[in-house]
Amino acid sequence: MFGELGVADGGPRSADAEIVEDAQLLHIPCEIIQDLCLRVPSAAQVLTKSIAASLRRLTEAAADLVLLDLPRRVAKTLLSQSRGEDGIIRQKMSLEELAHQVGGTRQSVNAALRGFERRGW
C-alpha cells in the first residue's frame, strides 16, 4: 500500500513507485477512503497504523544514514532479510536494489560485500 499520506492530509503523494515485475494494482480514490474512515473507525485505525509504521521506518532509515557507515548499513539490511531454515537468504535482490536501500552506490556496496567476504562473513 502506498499513497496513504495524501489520504490523511489531502496533499499530493510524497513519492513515486516503480514495479520491478508484472503486477496488478488497485487504485482507490482518496475520497472513498476518507469516507470509509469516517463511517468505519477501525478503517481509520488501520490507516493511522500504516502511517505510523512508515514514519518509524523512515525515522530509523534516517538515523542509520547519519549514524552508520555504509558497510554497517549493508550488514543491517542483509541481516534483516528473512531466511530459510538453513539460514540462507532466499529473496533475490540485485546489487542496485541493495545499494538503493542502503543509500549507497552499486560500487560502494560491492566493495562492502567484498570486505565481508574477506572476513569470512
PDB file of N, CA and C in Angstrom:
ATOM      1  N   MET A   1       0.852  -1.163   0.000  1.00  0.00           N
ATOM      2  CA  MET A   1       0.000   0.000   0.000  1.00  0.00           C
ATOM      3  C   MET A   1       0.903   1.232   0.000  1.00  0.00           C
ATOM      4  N   PHE A   2       0.526   2.227  -0.760  1.00  0.00           N
ATOM      5  CA  PHE A   2       1.245   3.497  -0.734  1.00  0.00           C
ATOM      6  C   PHE A   2       0.283   4.612  -1.093  1.00  0.00           C
ATOM      7  N   GLY A   3       0.658   5.824  -0.773  1.00  0.00           N
ATOM      8  CA  GLY A   3      -0.190   6.971  -1.022  1.00  0.00           C
ATOM      9  C   GLY A   3      -1.063   7.345   0.155  1.00  0.00           C
ATOM     10  N   GLU A   4      -0.874   6.662   1.297  1.00  0.00           N
ATOM     11  CA  GLU A   4      -1.742   6.908   2.442  1.00  0.00           C
ATOM     12  C   GLU A   4      -1.539   8.288   3.065  1.00  0.00           C
ATOM     13  N   LEU A   5      -0.382   8.866   2.905  1.00  0.00           N
ATOM     14  CA  LEU A   5      -0.143  10.198   3.459  1.00  0.00           C
ATOM     15  C   LEU A   5      -1.066  11.227   2.808  1.00  0.00           C
ATOM     16  N   GLY A   6      -1.244  11.124   1.507  1.00  0.00           N
ATOM     17  CA  GLY A   6      -2.151  12.019   0.790  1.00  0.00           C
ATOM     18  C   GLY A   6      -3.594  11.855   1.225  1.00  0.00           C
ATOM     19  N   VAL A   7      -3.964  10.649   1.611  1.00  0.00           N
ATOM     20  CA  VAL A   7      -5.323  10.420   2.100  1.00  0.00           C
ATOM     21  C   VAL A   7      -5.513  11.138   3.434  1.00  0.00           C
ATOM     22  N   ALA A   8      -4.476  11.102   4.266  1.00  0.00           N
ATOM     23  CA  ALA A   8      -4.582  11.688   5.599  1.00  0.00           C
ATOM     24  C   ALA A   8      -4.631  13.205   5.576  1.00  0.00           C
ATOM     25  N   ASP A   9      -3.809  13.838   4.727  1.00  0.00           N
ATOM     26  CA  ASP A   9      -3.760  15.305   4.767  1.00  0.00           C
ATOM     27  C   ASP A   9      -4.267  15.988   3.493  1.00  0.00           C
ATOM     28  N   GLY A  10      -4.687  15.222   2.502  1.00  0.00           N
ATOM     29  CA  GLY A  10      -5.224  15.798   1.273  1.00  0.00           C
ATOM     30  C   GLY A  10      -4.182  16.348   0.327  1.00  0.00           C
ATOM     31  N   GLY A  11      -2.915  16.246   0.702  1.00  0.00           N
ATOM     32  CA  GLY A  11      -1.840  16.759  -0.147  1.00  0.00           C
ATOM     33  C   GLY A  11      -1.455  15.781  -1.238  1.00  0.00           C
ATOM     34  N   PRO A  12      -0.521  16.191  -2.097  1.00  0.00           N
ATOM     35  CA  PRO A  12      -0.069  15.294  -3.164  1.00  0.00           C
ATOM     36  C   PRO A  12       0.764  14.151  -2.589  1.00  0.00           C
ATOM     37  N   ARG A  13       0.897  13.102  -3.381  1.00  0.00           N
ATOM     38  CA  ARG A  13       1.742  11.982  -2.951  1.00  0.00           C
ATOM     39  C   ARG A  13       3.167  12.483  -2.770  1.00  0.00           C
ATOM     40  N   SER A  14       3.862  11.941  -1.779  1.00  0.00           N
ATOM     41  CA  SER A  14       5.204  12.409  -1.462  1.00  0.00           C
ATOM     42  C   SER A  14       6.296  11.606  -2.162  1.00  0.00           C
ATOM     43  N   ALA A  15       5.939  10.546  -2.866  1.00  0.00           N
ATOM     44  CA  ALA A  15       6.938   9.705  -3.520  1.00  0.00           C
ATOM     45  C   ALA A  15       6.315   9.005  -4.720  1.00  0.00           C
ATOM     46  N   ASP A  16       7.168   8.489  -5.561  1.00  0.00           N
ATOM     47  CA  ASP A  16       6.734   7.680  -6.695  1.00  0.00           C
ATOM     48  C   ASP A  16       7.021   6.221  -6.387  1.00  0.00           C
ATOM     49  N   ALA A  17       6.402   5.346  -7.137  1.00  0.00           N
ATOM     50  CA  ALA A  17       6.647   3.916  -7.001  1.00  0.00           C
ATOM     51  C   ALA A  17       6.904   3.340  -8.385  1.00  0.00           C
ATOM     52  N   GLU A  18       7.727   2.321  -8.427  1.00  0.00           N
ATOM     53  CA  GLU A  18       8.043   1.653  -9.687  1.00  0.00           C
ATOM     54  C   GLU A  18       7.986   0.152  -9.450  1.00  0.00           C
ATOM     55  N   ILE A  19       7.262  -0.554 -10.303  1.00  0.00           N
ATOM     56  CA  ILE A  19       7.191  -2.002 -10.157  1.00  0.00           C
ATOM     57  C   ILE A  19       8.418  -2.627 -10.818  1.00  0.00           C
ATOM     58  N   VAL A  20       8.862  -3.751 -10.274  1.00  0.00           N
ATOM     59  CA  VAL A  20      10.020  -4.443 -10.820  1.00  0.00           C
ATOM     60  C   VAL A  20       9.640  -5.741 -11.515  1.00  0.00           C
ATOM     61  N   GLU A  21       8.357  -6.087 -11.455  1.00  0.00           N
ATOM     62  CA  GLU A  21       7.846  -7.243 -12.188  1.00  0.00           C
ATOM     63  C   GLU A  21       6.369  -6.996 -12.455  1.00  0.00           C
ATOM     64  N   ASP A  22       5.768  -7.823 -13.299  1.00  0.00           N
ATOM     65  CA  ASP A  22       4.357  -7.649 -13.615  1.00  0.00           C
ATOM     66  C   ASP A  22       3.531  -7.634 -12.338  1.00  0.00           C
ATOM     67  N   ALA A  23       2.548  -6.751 -12.294  1.00  0.00           N
ATOM     68  CA  ALA A  23       1.710  -6.621 -11.107  1.00  0.00           C
ATOM     69  C   ALA A  23       0.343  -6.092 -11.497  1.00  0.00           C
ATOM     70  N   GLN A  24      -0.623  -6.362 -10.645  1.00  0.00           N
ATOM     71  CA  GLN A  24      -1.946  -5.762 -10.793  1.00  0.00           C
ATOM     72  C   GLN A  24      -2.113  -4.778  -9.650  1.00  0.00           C
ATOM     73  N   LEU A  25      -2.494  -3.568  -9.977  1.00  0.00           N
ATOM     74  CA  LEU A  25      -2.656  -2.517  -8.981  1.00  0.00           C
ATOM     75  C   LEU A  25      -4.117  -2.134  -8.867  1.00  0.00           C
ATOM     76  N   LEU A  26      -4.509  -1.731  -7.683  1.00  0.00           N
ATOM     77  CA  LEU A  26      -5.863  -1.272  -7.439  1.00  0.00           C
ATOM     78  C   LEU A  26      -5.773   0.167  -6.949  1.00  0.00           C
ATOM     79  N   HIS A  27      -6.341   1.086  -7.699  1.00  0.00           N
ATOM     80  CA  HIS A  27      -6.366   2.489  -7.306  1.00  0.00           C
ATOM     81  C   HIS A  27      -7.701   2.770  -6.627  1.00  0.00           C
ATOM     82  N   ILE A  28      -7.621   3.259  -5.406  1.00  0.00           N
ATOM     83  CA  ILE A  28      -8.831   3.637  -4.674  1.00  0.00           C
ATOM     84  C   ILE A  28      -8.765   5.144  -4.463  1.00  0.00           C
ATOM     85  N   PRO A  29      -9.710   5.882  -5.023  1.00  0.00           N
ATOM     86  CA  PRO A  29      -9.682   7.345  -4.877  1.00  0.00           C
ATOM     87  C   PRO A  29      -9.680   7.781  -3.407  1.00  0.00           C
ATOM     88  N   CYS A  30      -8.989   8.846  -3.147  1.00  0.00           N
ATOM     89  CA  CYS A  30      -8.835   9.404  -1.810  1.00  0.00           C
ATOM     90  C   CYS A  30     -10.185   9.618  -1.121  1.00  0.00           C
ATOM     91  N   GLU A  31     -11.125  10.144  -1.862  1.00  0.00           N
ATOM     92  CA  GLU A  31     -12.437  10.453  -1.284  1.00  0.00           C
ATOM     93  C   GLU A  31     -13.143   9.204  -0.748  1.00  0.00           C
ATOM     94  N   ILE A  32     -12.971   8.096  -1.417  1.00  0.00           N
ATOM     95  CA  ILE A  32     -13.607   6.847  -0.977  1.00  0.00           C
ATOM     96  C   ILE A  32     -12.993   6.381   0.344  1.00  0.00           C
ATOM     97  N   ILE A  33     -11.673   6.468   0.442  1.00  0.00           N
ATOM     98  CA  ILE A  33     -11.008   6.034   1.676  1.00  0.00           C
ATOM     99  C   ILE A  33     -11.359   6.977   2.828  1.00  0.00           C
ATOM    100  N   GLN A  34     -11.396   8.277   2.571  1.00  0.00           N
ATOM    101  CA  GLN A  34     -11.759   9.231   3.617  1.00  0.00           C
ATOM    102  C   GLN A  34     -13.184   8.984   4.115  1.00  0.00           C
ATOM    103  N   ASP A  35     -14.104   8.730   3.196  1.00  0.00           N
ATOM    104  CA  ASP A  35     -15.484   8.439   3.578  1.00  0.00           C
ATOM    105  C   ASP A  35     -15.559   7.155   4.399  1.00  0.00           C
ATOM    106  N   LEU A  36     -14.821   6.138   3.979  1.00  0.00           N
ATOM    107  CA  LEU A  36     -14.788   4.872   4.713  1.00  0.00           C
ATOM    108  C   LEU A  36     -14.271   5.084   6.135  1.00  0.00           C
ATOM    109  N   CYS A  37     -13.212   5.893   6.274  1.00  0.00           N
ATOM    110  CA  CYS A  37     -12.644   6.149   7.598  1.00  0.00           C
ATOM    111  C   CYS A  37     -13.632   6.881   8.509  1.00  0.00           C
ATOM    112  N   LEU A  38     -14.472   7.739   7.919  1.00  0.00           N
ATOM    113  CA  LEU A  38     -15.486   8.435   8.719  1.00  0.00           C
ATOM    114  C   LEU A  38     -16.573   7.480   9.195  1.00  0.00           C
ATOM    115  N   ARG A  39     -16.923   6.540   8.339  1.00  0.00           N
ATOM    116  CA  ARG A  39     -18.011   5.608   8.667  1.00  0.00           C
ATOM    117  C   ARG A  39     -17.556   4.397   9.470  1.00  0.00           C
ATOM    118  N   VAL A  40     -16.279   3.981   9.293  1.00  0.00           N
ATOM    119  CA  VAL A  40     -15.778   2.765   9.954  1.00  0.00           C
ATOM    120  C   VAL A  40     -14.510   3.129  10.728  1.00  0.00           C
ATOM    121  N   PRO A  41     -14.631   3.370  12.017  1.00  0.00           N
ATOM    122  CA  PRO A  41     -13.469   3.786  12.809  1.00  0.00           C
ATOM    123  C   PRO A  41     -12.275   2.829  12.718  1.00  0.00           C
ATOM    124  N   SER A  42     -12.537   1.541  12.598  1.00  0.00           N
ATOM    125  CA  SER A  42     -11.422   0.590  12.510  1.00  0.00           C
ATOM    126  C   SER A  42     -10.620   0.799  11.227  1.00  0.00           C
ATOM    127  N   ALA A  43     -11.247   1.281  10.162  1.00  0.00           N
ATOM    128  CA  ALA A  43     -10.519   1.581   8.925  1.00  0.00           C
ATOM    129  C   ALA A  43      -9.580   2.763   9.155  1.00  0.00           C
ATOM    130  N   ALA A  44     -10.040   3.759   9.903  1.00  0.00           N
ATOM    131  CA  ALA A  44      -9.188   4.904  10.232  1.00  0.00           C
ATOM    132  C   ALA A  44      -8.007   4.448  11.081  1.00  0.00           C
ATOM    133  N   GLN A  45      -8.230   3.497  11.979  1.00  0.00           N
ATOM    134  CA  GLN A  45      -7.141   2.972  12.807  1.00  0.00           C
ATOM    135  C   GLN A  45      -6.097   2.262  11.958  1.00  0.00           C
ATOM    136  N   VAL A  46      -6.540   1.497  10.974  1.00  0.00           N
ATOM    137  CA  VAL A  46      -5.614   0.800  10.081  1.00  0.00           C
ATOM    138  C   VAL A  46      -4.778   1.814   9.302  1.00  0.00           C
ATOM    139  N   LEU A  47      -5.421   2.864   8.804  1.00  0.00           N
ATOM    140  CA  LEU A  47      -4.709   3.916   8.078  1.00  0.00           C
ATOM    141  C   LEU A  47      -3.686   4.590   8.990  1.00  0.00           C
ATOM    142  N   THR A  48      -4.095   4.911  10.210  1.00  0.00           N
ATOM    143  CA  THR A  48      -3.189   5.555  11.171  1.00  0.00           C
ATOM    144  C   THR A  48      -1.996   4.654  11.480  1.00  0.00           C
ATOM    145  N   LYS A  49      -2.243   3.362  11.680  1.00  0.00           N
ATOM    146  CA  LYS A  49      -1.149   2.424  11.959  1.00  0.00           C
ATOM    147  C   LYS A  49      -0.197   2.316  10.774  1.00  0.00           C
ATOM    148  N   SER A  50      -0.730   2.355   9.569  1.00  0.00           N
ATOM    149  CA  SER A  50       0.113   2.289   8.379  1.00  0.00           C
ATOM    150  C   SER A  50       1.014   3.521   8.280  1.00  0.00           C
ATOM    151  N   ILE A  51       0.453   4.684   8.547  1.00  0.00           N
ATOM    152  CA  ILE A  51       1.245   5.920   8.511  1.00  0.00           C
ATOM    153  C   ILE A  51       2.304   5.896   9.615  1.00  0.00           C
ATOM    154  N   ALA A  52       1.935   5.421  10.806  1.00  0.00           N
ATOM    155  CA  ALA A  52       2.886   5.330  11.912  1.00  0.00           C
ATOM    156  C   ALA A  52       4.028   4.371  11.573  1.00  0.00           C
ATOM    157  N   ALA A  53       3.715   3.241  10.948  1.00  0.00           N
ATOM    158  CA  ALA A  53       4.742   2.275  10.564  1.00  0.00           C
ATOM    159  C   ALA A  53       5.704   2.887   9.547  1.00  0.00           C
ATOM    160  N   SER A  54       5.164   3.641   8.594  1.00  0.00           N
ATOM    161  CA  SER A  54       6.013   4.312   7.608  1.00  0.00           C
ATOM    162  C   SER A  54       6.916   5.337   8.279  1.00  0.00           C
ATOM    163  N   LEU A  55       6.368   6.096   9.220  1.00  0.00           N
ATOM    164  CA  LEU A  55       7.150   7.098   9.933  1.00  0.00           C
ATOM    165  C   LEU A  55       8.266   6.441  10.737  1.00  0.00           C
ATOM    166  N   ARG A  56       7.966   5.336  11.406  1.00  0.00           N
ATOM    167  CA  ARG A  56       9.005   4.616  12.162  1.00  0.00           C
ATOM    168  C   ARG A  56      10.110   4.118  11.237  1.00  0.00           C
ATOM    169  N   ARG A  57       9.714   3.538  10.103  1.00  0.00           N
ATOM    170  CA  ARG A  57      10.705   3.011   9.150  1.00  0.00           C
ATOM    171  C   ARG A  57      11.587   4.133   8.624  1.00  0.00           C
ATOM    172  N   LEU A  58      10.984   5.266   8.267  1.00  0.00           N
ATOM    173  CA  LEU A  58      11.755   6.393   7.737  1.00  0.00           C
ATOM    174  C   LEU A  58      12.650   7.023   8.796  1.00  0.00           C
ATOM    175  N   THR A  59      12.169   7.082  10.032  1.00  0.00           N
ATOM    176  CA  THR A  59      12.988   7.613  11.123  1.00  0.00           C
ATOM    177  C   THR A  59      14.211   6.732  11.349  1.00  0.00           C
ATOM    178  N   GLU A  60      14.005   5.428  11.334  1.00  0.00           N
ATOM    179  CA  GLU A  60      15.130   4.501  11.506  1.00  0.00           C
ATOM    180  C   GLU A  60      16.114   4.612  10.339  1.00  0.00           C
ATOM    181  N   ALA A  61      15.583   4.708   9.122  1.00  0.00           N
ATOM    182  CA  ALA A  61      16.453   4.829   7.952  1.00  0.00           C
ATOM    183  C   ALA A  61      17.276   6.122   8.015  1.00  0.00           C
ATOM    184  N   ALA A  62      16.651   7.218   8.436  1.00  0.00           N
ATOM    185  CA  ALA A  62      17.369   8.489   8.556  1.00  0.00           C
ATOM    186  C   ALA A  62      18.456   8.381   9.617  1.00  0.00           C
ATOM    187  N   ALA A  63      18.149   7.763  10.740  1.00  0.00           N
ATOM    188  CA  ALA A  63      19.154   7.578  11.792  1.00  0.00           C
ATOM    189  C   ALA A  63      20.302   6.715  11.291  1.00  0.00           C
ATOM    190  N   ASP A  64      19.987   5.648  10.560  1.00  0.00           N
ATOM    191  CA  ASP A  64      21.036   4.784  10.008  1.00  0.00           C
ATOM    192  C   ASP A  64      21.961   5.557   9.076  1.00  0.00           C
ATOM    193  N   LEU A  65      21.381   6.422   8.238  1.00  0.00           N
ATOM    194  CA  LEU A  65      22.205   7.198   7.309  1.00  0.00           C
ATOM    195  C   LEU A  65      23.162   8.122   8.053  1.00  0.00           C
ATOM    196  N   VAL A  66      22.739   8.632   9.194  1.00  0.00           N
ATOM    197  CA  VAL A  66      23.568   9.552   9.973  1.00  0.00           C
ATOM    198  C   VAL A  66      24.571   8.805  10.849  1.00  0.00           C
ATOM    199  N   LEU A  67      24.139   7.721  11.465  1.00  0.00           N
ATOM    200  CA  LEU A  67      24.948   7.077  12.500  1.00  0.00           C
ATOM    201  C   LEU A  67      25.764   5.874  12.035  1.00  0.00           C
ATOM    202  N   LEU A  68      25.374   5.243  10.941  1.00  0.00           N
ATOM    203  CA  LEU A  68      26.067   4.032  10.488  1.00  0.00           C
ATOM    204  C   LEU A  68      26.806   4.280   9.186  1.00  0.00           C
ATOM    205  N   ASP A  69      28.021   3.744   9.084  1.00  0.00           N
ATOM    206  CA  ASP A  69      28.716   3.836   7.801  1.00  0.00           C
ATOM    207  C   ASP A  69      28.112   2.818   6.832  1.00  0.00           C
ATOM    208  N   LEU A  70      28.504   2.901   5.574  1.00  0.00           N
ATOM    209  CA  LEU A  70      27.878   2.061   4.545  1.00  0.00           C
ATOM    210  C   LEU A  70      27.995   0.563   4.834  1.00  0.00           C
ATOM    211  N   PRO A  71      29.179   0.032   5.186  1.00  0.00           N
ATOM    212  CA  PRO A  71      29.228  -1.417   5.453  1.00  0.00           C
ATOM    213  C   PRO A  71      28.269  -1.851   6.559  1.00  0.00           C
ATOM    214  N   ARG A  72      28.103  -1.036   7.581  1.00  0.00           N
ATOM    215  CA  ARG A  72      27.162  -1.393   8.648  1.00  0.00           C
ATOM    216  C   ARG A  72      25.713  -1.336   8.161  1.00  0.00           C
ATOM    217  N   ARG A  73      25.403  -0.369   7.290  1.00  0.00           N
ATOM    218  CA  ARG A  73      24.038  -0.314   6.731  1.00  0.00           C
ATOM    219  C   ARG A  73      23.779  -1.531   5.855  1.00  0.00           C
ATOM    220  N   VAL A  74      24.775  -1.944   5.074  1.00  0.00           N
ATOM    221  CA  VAL A  74      24.633  -3.139   4.234  1.00  0.00           C
ATOM    222  C   VAL A  74      24.413  -4.364   5.122  1.00  0.00           C
ATOM    223  N   ALA A  75      25.239  -4.503   6.158  1.00  0.00           N
ATOM    224  CA  ALA A  75      25.112  -5.649   7.061  1.00  0.00           C
ATOM    225  C   ALA A  75      23.739  -5.659   7.732  1.00  0.00           C
ATOM    226  N   LYS A  76      23.293  -4.506   8.209  1.00  0.00           N
ATOM    227  CA  LYS A  76      21.989  -4.427   8.881  1.00  0.00           C
ATOM    228  C   LYS A  76      20.866  -4.830   7.931  1.00  0.00           C
ATOM    229  N   THR A  77      20.933  -4.367   6.692  1.00  0.00           N
ATOM    230  CA  THR A  77      19.904  -4.699   5.708  1.00  0.00           C
ATOM    231  C   THR A  77      19.908  -6.196   5.406  1.00  0.00           C
ATOM    232  N   LEU A  78      21.084  -6.761   5.208  1.00  0.00           N
ATOM    233  CA  LEU A  78      21.160  -8.190   4.917  1.00  0.00           C
ATOM    234  C   LEU A  78      20.682  -9.024   6.102  1.00  0.00           C
ATOM    235  N   LEU A  79      21.061  -8.623   7.309  1.00  0.00           N
ATOM    236  CA  LEU A  79      20.643  -9.377   8.496  1.00  0.00           C
ATOM    237  C   LEU A  79      19.149  -9.283   8.751  1.00  0.00           C
ATOM    238  N   SER A  80      18.496  -8.262   8.208  1.00  0.00           N
ATOM    239  CA  SER A  80      17.052  -8.105   8.417  1.00  0.00           C
ATOM    240  C   SER A  80      16.220  -8.906   7.415  1.00  0.00           C
ATOM    241  N   GLN A  81      16.868  -9.508   6.419  1.00  0.00           N
ATOM    242  CA  GLN A  81      16.146 -10.281   5.409  1.00  0.00           C
ATOM    243  C   GLN A  81      15.698 -11.623   5.984  1.00  0.00           C
ATOM    244  N   SER A  82      14.546 -12.105   5.541  1.00  0.00           N
ATOM    245  CA  SER A  82      14.067 -13.402   6.027  1.00  0.00           C
ATOM    246  C   SER A  82      14.926 -14.511   5.426  1.00  0.00           C
ATOM    247  N   ARG A  83      15.079 -15.574   6.198  1.00  0.00           N
ATOM    248  CA  ARG A  83      15.920 -16.693   5.784  1.00  0.00           C
ATOM    249  C   ARG A  83      15.138 -17.989   5.854  1.00  0.00           C
ATOM    250  N   GLY A  84      15.618 -18.955   5.119  1.00  0.00           N
ATOM    251  CA  GLY A  84      15.049 -20.292   5.202  1.00  0.00           C
ATOM    252  C   GLY A  84      15.542 -20.993   6.454  1.00  0.00           C
ATOM    253  N   GLU A  85      15.096 -22.229   6.655  1.00  0.00           N
ATOM    254  CA  GLU A  85      15.508 -22.999   7.834  1.00  0.00           C
ATOM    255  C   GLU A  85      17.015 -23.215   7.878  1.00  0.00           C
ATOM    256  N   ASP A  86      17.661 -23.189   6.709  1.00  0.00           N
ATOM    257  CA  ASP A  86      19.104 -23.380   6.647  1.00  0.00           C
ATOM    258  C   ASP A  86      19.884 -22.095   6.903  1.00  0.00           C
ATOM    259  N   GLY A  87      19.160 -20.983   7.146  1.00  0.00           N
ATOM    260  CA  GLY A  87      19.816 -19.707   7.430  1.00  0.00           C
ATOM    261  C   GLY A  87      20.189 -18.901   6.208  1.00  0.00           C
ATOM    262  N   ILE A  88      19.854 -19.401   5.019  1.00  0.00           N
ATOM    263  CA  ILE A  88      20.223 -18.719   3.779  1.00  0.00           C
ATOM    264  C   ILE A  88      19.104 -17.785   3.343  1.00  0.00           C
ATOM    265  N   ILE A  89      19.484 -16.571   2.926  1.00  0.00           N
ATOM    266  CA  ILE A  89      18.516 -15.595   2.419  1.00  0.00           C
ATOM    267  C   ILE A  89      18.069 -16.059   1.045  1.00  0.00           C
ATOM    268  N   ARG A  90      16.768 -16.237   0.873  1.00  0.00           N
ATOM    269  CA  ARG A  90      16.230 -16.745  -0.388  1.00  0.00           C
ATOM    270  C   ARG A  90      15.783 -15.633  -1.326  1.00  0.00           C
ATOM    271  N   GLN A  91      15.469 -14.477  -0.776  1.00  0.00           N
ATOM    272  CA  GLN A  91      14.956 -13.376  -1.598  1.00  0.00           C
ATOM    273  C   GLN A  91      16.051 -12.887  -2.540  1.00  0.00           C
ATOM    274  N   LYS A  92      15.713 -12.777  -3.806  1.00  0.00           N
ATOM    275  CA  LYS A  92      16.659 -12.262  -4.799  1.00  0.00           C
ATOM    276  C   LYS A  92      16.655 -10.741  -4.731  1.00  0.00           C
ATOM    277  N   MET A  93      17.845 -10.155  -4.664  1.00  0.00           N
ATOM    278  CA  MET A  93      17.973  -8.712  -4.631  1.00  0.00           C
ATOM    279  C   MET A  93      19.214  -8.351  -5.438  1.00  0.00           C
ATOM    280  N   SER A  94      19.044  -7.458  -6.389  1.00  0.00           N
ATOM    281  CA  SER A  94      20.191  -7.047  -7.186  1.00  0.00           C
ATOM    282  C   SER A  94      21.079  -6.118  -6.367  1.00  0.00           C
ATOM    283  N   LEU A  95      22.304  -5.986  -6.798  1.00  0.00           N
ATOM    284  CA  LEU A  95      23.240  -5.082  -6.154  1.00  0.00           C
ATOM    285  C   LEU A  95      22.708  -3.652  -6.199  1.00  0.00           C
ATOM    286  N   GLU A  96      22.073  -3.299  -7.297  1.00  0.00           N
ATOM    287  CA  GLU A  96      21.494  -1.967  -7.443  1.00  0.00           C
ATOM    288  C   GLU A  96      20.355  -1.748  -6.442  1.00  0.00           C
ATOM    289  N   GLU A  97      19.505  -2.769  -6.252  1.00  0.00           N
ATOM    290  CA  GLU A  97      18.410  -2.656  -5.280  1.00  0.00           C
ATOM    291  C   GLU A  97      18.950  -2.520  -3.862  1.00  0.00           C
ATOM    292  N   LEU A  98      19.978  -3.301  -3.537  1.00  0.00           N
ATOM    293  CA  LEU A  98      20.589  -3.217  -2.213  1.00  0.00           C
ATOM    294  C   LEU A  98      21.211  -1.837  -2.010  1.00  0.00           C
ATOM    295  N   ALA A  99      21.889  -1.341  -3.018  1.00  0.00           N
ATOM    296  CA  ALA A  99      22.505  -0.008  -2.930  1.00  0.00           C
ATOM    297  C   ALA A  99      21.442   1.056  -2.692  1.00  0.00           C
ATOM    298  N   HIS A 100      20.333   0.938  -3.384  1.00  0.00           N
ATOM    299  CA  HIS A 100      19.242   1.902  -3.208  1.00  0.00           C
ATOM    300  C   HIS A 100      18.706   1.858  -1.776  1.00  0.00           C
ATOM    301  N   GLN A 101      18.561   0.666  -1.237  1.00  0.00           N
ATOM    302  CA  GLN A 101      18.025   0.520   0.125  1.00  0.00           C
ATOM    303  C   GLN A 101      18.942   1.121   1.177  1.00  0.00           C
ATOM    304  N   VAL A 102      20.256   1.029   0.967  1.00  0.00           N
ATOM    305  CA  VAL A 102      21.199   1.489   1.998  1.00  0.00           C
ATOM    306  C   VAL A 102      21.744   2.890   1.729  1.00  0.00           C
ATOM    307  N   GLY A 103      21.317   3.504   0.637  1.00  0.00           N
ATOM    308  CA  GLY A 103      21.769   4.858   0.341  1.00  0.00           C
ATOM    309  C   GLY A 103      23.200   4.920  -0.138  1.00  0.00           C
ATOM    310  N   GLY A 104      23.598   3.948  -0.935  1.00  0.00           N
ATOM    311  CA  GLY A 104      24.955   3.911  -1.470  1.00  0.00           C
ATOM    312  C   GLY A 104      24.942   3.670  -2.963  1.00  0.00           C
ATOM    313  N   THR A 105      26.118   3.571  -3.529  1.00  0.00           N
ATOM    314  CA  THR A 105      26.240   3.245  -4.947  1.00  0.00           C
ATOM    315  C   THR A 105      26.449   1.746  -5.096  1.00  0.00           C
ATOM    316  N   ARG A 106      26.201   1.249  -6.283  1.00  0.00           N
ATOM    317  CA  ARG A 106      26.423  -0.171  -6.556  1.00  0.00           C
ATOM    318  C   ARG A 106      27.882  -0.536  -6.270  1.00  0.00           C
ATOM    319  N   GLN A 107      28.800   0.339  -6.677  1.00  0.00           N
ATOM    320  CA  GLN A 107      30.230   0.084  -6.495  1.00  0.00           C
ATOM    321  C   GLN A 107      30.614   0.048  -5.009  1.00  0.00           C
ATOM    322  N   SER A 108      30.083   0.987  -4.225  1.00  0.00           N
ATOM    323  CA  SER A 108      30.444   1.021  -2.801  1.00  0.00           C
ATOM    324  C   SER A 108      29.853  -0.178  -2.047  1.00  0.00           C
ATOM    325  N   VAL A 109      28.643  -0.593  -2.427  1.00  0.00           N
ATOM    326  CA  VAL A 109      28.041  -1.770  -1.799  1.00  0.00           C
ATOM    327  C   VAL A 109      28.824  -3.018  -2.182  1.00  0.00           C
ATOM    328  N   ASN A 110      29.251  -3.100  -3.429  1.00  0.00           N
ATOM    329  CA  ASN A 110      30.059  -4.228  -3.872  1.00  0.00           C
ATOM    330  C   ASN A 110      31.363  -4.294  -3.066  1.00  0.00           C
ATOM    331  N   ALA A 111      31.985  -3.140  -2.822  1.00  0.00           N
ATOM    332  CA  ALA A 111      33.212  -3.099  -2.023  1.00  0.00           C
ATOM    333  C   ALA A 111      32.937  -3.576  -0.596  1.00  0.00           C
ATOM    334  N   ALA A 112      31.812  -3.176  -0.017  1.00  0.00           N
ATOM    335  CA  ALA A 112      31.457  -3.615   1.336  1.00  0.00           C
ATOM    336  C   ALA A 112      31.262  -5.124   1.368  1.00  0.00           C
ATOM    337  N   LEU A 113      30.571  -5.664   0.362  1.00  0.00           N
ATOM    338  CA  LEU A 113      30.348  -7.110   0.306  1.00  0.00           C
ATOM    339  C   LEU A 113      31.668  -7.867   0.152  1.00  0.00           C
ATOM    340  N   ARG A 114      32.588  -7.325  -0.647  1.00  0.00           N
ATOM    341  CA  ARG A 114      33.916  -7.956  -0.783  1.00  0.00           C
ATOM    342  C   ARG A 114      34.648  -7.941   0.559  1.00  0.00           C
ATOM    343  N   GLY A 115      34.489  -6.848   1.320  1.00  0.00           N
ATOM    344  CA  GLY A 115      35.088  -6.785   2.649  1.00  0.00           C
ATOM    345  C   GLY A 115      34.515  -7.854   3.570  1.00  0.00           C
ATOM    346  N   PHE A 116      33.203  -8.077   3.500  1.00  0.00           N
ATOM    347  CA  PHE A 116      32.578  -9.132   4.301  1.00  0.00           C
ATOM    348  C   PHE A 116      33.150 -10.496   3.901  1.00  0.00           C
ATOM    349  N   GLU A 117      33.288 -10.690   2.606  1.00  0.00           N
ATOM    350  CA  GLU A 117      33.793 -11.961   2.094  1.00  0.00           C
ATOM    351  C   GLU A 117      35.223 -12.200   2.577  1.00  0.00           C
ATOM    352  N   ARG A 118      36.071 -11.153   2.548  1.00  0.00           N
ATOM    353  CA  ARG A 118      37.457 -11.286   3.021  1.00  0.00           C
ATOM    354  C   ARG A 118      37.495 -11.691   4.503  1.00  0.00           C
ATOM    355  N   ARG A 119      36.522 -11.239   5.261  1.00  0.00           N
ATOM    356  CA  ARG A 119      36.472 -11.557   6.686  1.00  0.00           C
ATOM    357  C   ARG A 119      35.818 -12.926   6.944  1.00  0.00           C
ATOM    358  N   GLY A 120      35.355 -13.571   5.885  1.00  0.00           N
ATOM    359  CA  GLY A 120      34.723 -14.876   6.030  1.00  0.00           C
ATOM    360  C   GLY A 120      33.269 -14.811   6.458  1.00  0.00           C
ATOM    361  N   TRP A 121      32.656 -13.637   6.286  1.00  0.00           N
ATOM    362  CA  TRP A 121      31.254 -13.444   6.680  1.00  0.00           C
ATOM    363  C   TRP A 121      30.341 -13.864   5.580  1.00  0.00           C
TER     364      TRP A 121
END
